[in-house]
Structures are given as C-alpha cells and as structure tokens.
Amino acid sequence: MRRLRGTLVMATLASAVMVAAAPVAPAGPAGAAATPGLLACSGRVVHRPASFVVACADGNTTLGAIRWHSWGPRTAVAEATFGENPCTPYCAASTMRYFPHATVRLGDPVRTRHGILYSTMTVHYRQGARPRTFAFSWKGDPGFKGTRAVPRRASS
C-alpha cells in the first residue's frame, strides 16, 4: 500500500509539473515557426517561457523568473533563478535549493516531430563563491526521435 501511495503522489506531482511549464508568451507572428522552441513536460512547444521545468519526471530541476535576453534561430540566452534538488540523502528527504542570477543558454536546435527545438541547455550559477555549471541535453528524449540537425546558413 505504501508503494502505491508513493506512486500516486509522484503521478500527481508529475501532473502539476506539466502545468507549470505552460507557455507564458505566445509563439509570436507567422515567422516564429522557424524559431526553435522548448518541449515542455506537457508535450507542448513553448517560446520564451517565464518558468520551465527541466526534469519532468520529478520536478527536481527548474528555471523560474526567467528574463530572456535573446531567442534566436541558433541560441537563446536568459537570466533566471535555477532550482535544483540535491537529492541528499535521497530526493524525497531533500529540499530544493535556488540560485538567482543564473545564466541560461539554449542551443543546438534540431528538427523533431514537434518542429524545431533547442536540444541543449547550459546553466551557469554560483553556489556561494563557487561557480557551477549544469548541462542538459534532450537528445535522448523520446520526443526527439528521428531528429536532424538544423543546418547552419552559409555566411557570405
């Protein structure tokens, strides 16, 4: 019974996490279709979200209070509050830690069945005086099956 209750709690949390990644800003005008997006936990593609859940299964890695400086065809750059659960001694017994003023960089856009999506994220943040880096790739995600790199435009 205890295992079933834990499964139900995790399923409820996963549902709540999916809602948290809903887009805040619309995709934009007609030309926005060629601009890469992010695949949210809900399966929807979002552009310039104000918050984003990176770890859909457990919500243990998040971005909040995101301020986008750029969102282009190759990269997107923002400042955000990076949230991470260190899972020490294990995730359920640990609490989220938040690191404001983190720099977020999205890149490596690929064509997927959902359209063009950024496939990598790098977050630079400080833990006290120590600089830290969190790197993440969605390339192993089932939503990215059959991906192709987006070719770079030839420079003239």
Protein backbone atom coordinates (compact mmCIF):
# COMPACT_ATOMS: atom_id res chain seq x y z
CA MET A 1 0.00 0.00 0.00
CA ARG A 2 2.85 2.37 0.85
CA ARG A 3 4.44 1.85 -2.60
CA LEU A 4 1.09 2.50 -4.31
CA ARG A 5 0.59 5.71 -2.30
CA GLY A 6 4.09 6.90 -3.30
CA THR A 7 3.29 6.16 -6.95
CA LEU A 8 0.07 8.16 -6.74
CA VAL A 9 1.88 11.08 -5.13
CA MET A 10 4.54 11.04 -7.87
CA ALA A 11 1.85 10.89 -10.58
CA THR A 12 0.10 13.87 -9.01
CA LEU A 13 3.38 15.78 -8.80
CA ALA A 14 4.17 14.95 -12.43
CA SER A 15 0.77 16.33 -13.47
CA ALA A 16 1.39 19.52 -11.51
CA VAL A 17 4.85 19.83 -13.09
CA MET A 18 3.35 19.59 -16.58
CA VAL A 19 1.04 22.51 -15.86
CA ALA A 20 3.93 24.62 -14.52
CA ALA A 21 5.66 24.62 -17.91
CA ALA A 22 2.73 26.10 -19.82
CA PRO A 23 3.75 28.91 -22.12
CA VAL A 24 3.50 32.45 -20.84
CA ALA A 25 4.26 34.28 -24.08
CA PRO A 26 2.66 33.26 -27.37
CA ALA A 27 4.81 31.81 -30.13
CA GLY A 28 4.63 35.11 -31.99
CA PRO A 29 3.95 36.15 -35.57
CA ALA A 30 3.93 33.89 -38.62
CA GLY A 31 7.75 33.81 -38.84
CA ALA A 32 8.03 32.33 -35.36
CA ALA A 33 7.51 28.79 -36.66
CA ALA A 34 11.17 28.70 -37.79
CA THR A 35 12.36 29.88 -34.38
CA PRO A 36 13.26 26.95 -32.10
CA GLY A 37 11.13 26.22 -29.09
CA LEU A 38 11.36 24.13 -25.94
CA LEU A 39 9.39 20.95 -25.41
CA ALA A 40 7.54 21.36 -22.11
CA CYS A 41 6.55 18.49 -19.83
CA SER A 42 3.00 18.77 -21.18
CA GLY A 43 4.26 17.89 -24.67
CA ARG A 44 3.56 21.44 -25.90
CA VAL A 45 6.20 23.58 -27.53
CA VAL A 46 6.85 26.83 -25.67
CA HIS A 47 8.72 30.01 -26.62
CA ARG A 48 10.22 32.40 -24.07
CA PRO A 49 8.55 30.80 -21.02
CA ALA A 50 8.59 32.73 -17.73
CA SER A 51 9.29 29.45 -15.91
CA PHE A 52 10.29 25.99 -17.09
CA VAL A 53 10.57 22.54 -15.52
CA VAL A 54 13.68 20.76 -16.81
CA ALA A 55 13.20 17.41 -15.00
CA CYS A 56 9.66 16.39 -15.93
CA ALA A 57 9.61 13.11 -14.01
CA ASP A 58 10.15 14.64 -10.59
CA GLY A 59 10.37 18.43 -10.96
CA ASN A 60 13.78 18.40 -9.25
CA THR A 61 15.35 20.85 -11.73
CA THR A 62 13.59 24.11 -12.64
CA LEU A 63 14.06 27.60 -14.01
CA GLY A 64 11.99 30.45 -12.60
CA ALA A 65 11.74 34.22 -13.01
CA ILE A 66 13.25 33.86 -16.49
CA ARG A 67 14.19 37.06 -18.31
CA TRP A 68 15.07 36.32 -21.92
CA HIS A 69 17.79 38.49 -23.42
CA SER A 70 17.63 36.77 -26.82
CA TRP A 71 15.72 33.97 -28.54
CA GLY A 72 17.09 33.29 -31.99
CA PRO A 73 17.46 30.62 -34.65
CA ARG A 74 20.67 29.13 -33.11
CA THR A 75 20.68 30.10 -29.42
CA ALA A 76 18.63 31.67 -26.65
CA VAL A 77 20.11 33.42 -23.61
CA ALA A 78 18.42 34.38 -20.35
CA GLU A 79 18.91 35.16 -16.69
CA ALA A 80 16.86 33.04 -14.29
CA THR A 81 16.60 31.51 -10.85
CA PHE A 82 17.93 27.96 -11.13
CA GLY A 83 16.27 25.45 -8.80
CA GLU A 84 17.80 22.09 -8.03
CA ASN A 85 17.08 19.31 -5.55
CA PRO A 86 20.41 17.77 -4.49
CA CYS A 87 18.62 14.52 -3.54
CA THR A 88 20.73 14.07 -0.41
CA PRO A 89 20.33 11.60 1.22
CA TYR A 90 17.51 10.91 -1.29
CA CYS A 91 15.17 13.15 -3.28
CA ALA A 92 12.07 12.89 -1.08
CA ALA A 93 14.08 13.80 2.04
CA SER A 94 15.84 16.72 0.38
CA THR A 95 14.60 20.23 -0.39
CA MET A 96 15.02 22.40 -3.45
CA ARG A 97 17.86 24.92 -3.48
CA TYR A 98 17.53 28.08 -5.55
CA PHE A 99 20.30 30.05 -7.21
CA PRO A 100 19.28 33.51 -8.50
CA HIS A 101 21.10 35.33 -11.31
CA ALA A 102 21.92 32.12 -13.21
CA THR A 103 22.80 32.44 -16.89
CA VAL A 104 20.86 30.08 -19.16
CA ARG A 105 21.93 29.25 -22.70
CA LEU A 106 19.86 27.09 -25.05
CA GLY A 107 21.37 25.78 -28.26
CA ASP A 108 21.88 23.04 -30.80
CA PRO A 109 18.45 23.25 -32.49
CA VAL A 110 17.19 20.07 -34.16
CA ARG A 111 14.18 19.21 -36.31
CA THR A 112 11.77 16.93 -34.46
CA ARG A 113 8.21 15.74 -34.94
CA HIS A 114 7.28 18.76 -32.77
CA GLY A 115 9.11 21.22 -35.03
CA ILE A 116 12.49 22.82 -34.44
CA LEU A 117 13.51 22.57 -30.79
CA TYR A 118 16.55 23.58 -28.80
CA SER A 119 18.19 20.35 -27.69
CA THR A 120 20.78 21.53 -25.16
CA MET A 121 20.75 23.75 -22.08
CA THR A 122 23.69 25.08 -20.09
CA VAL A 123 23.14 26.90 -16.81
CA HIS A 124 25.96 28.80 -15.09
CA TYR A 125 25.26 29.68 -11.46
CA ARG A 126 27.09 30.34 -8.21
CA GLN A 127 26.85 28.19 -5.11
CA GLY A 128 28.25 30.59 -2.55
CA ALA A 129 31.55 31.76 -4.02
CA ARG A 130 31.93 28.72 -6.27
CA PRO A 131 30.92 28.84 -9.93
CA ARG A 132 28.88 25.83 -11.04
CA THR A 133 27.60 24.55 -14.38
CA PHE A 134 24.54 22.41 -15.07
CA ALA A 135 24.43 20.91 -18.57
CA PHE A 136 21.42 19.11 -20.02
CA SER A 137 20.51 17.54 -23.36
CA TRP A 138 17.08 16.43 -24.56
CA LYS A 139 18.53 14.37 -27.44
CA GLY A 140 17.75 11.07 -25.67
CA ASP A 141 14.12 12.12 -25.03
CA PRO A 142 11.50 10.09 -26.97
CA GLY A 143 10.07 13.39 -28.29
CA PHE A 144 13.37 13.88 -30.13
CA LYS A 145 13.35 10.55 -32.02
CA GLY A 146 14.25 10.91 -35.66
CA THR A 147 15.93 14.26 -35.13
CA ARG A 148 18.06 16.01 -37.71
CA ALA A 149 20.47 18.82 -37.11
CA VAL A 150 19.30 22.19 -38.40
CA PRO A 151 21.88 23.27 -40.97
CA ARG A 152 23.74 26.50 -40.41
CA ARG A 153 23.24 29.16 -43.04
CA ALA A 154 26.25 29.79 -45.22
CA SER A 155 27.84 33.11 -44.41
CA SER A 156 28.50 35.44 -47.30
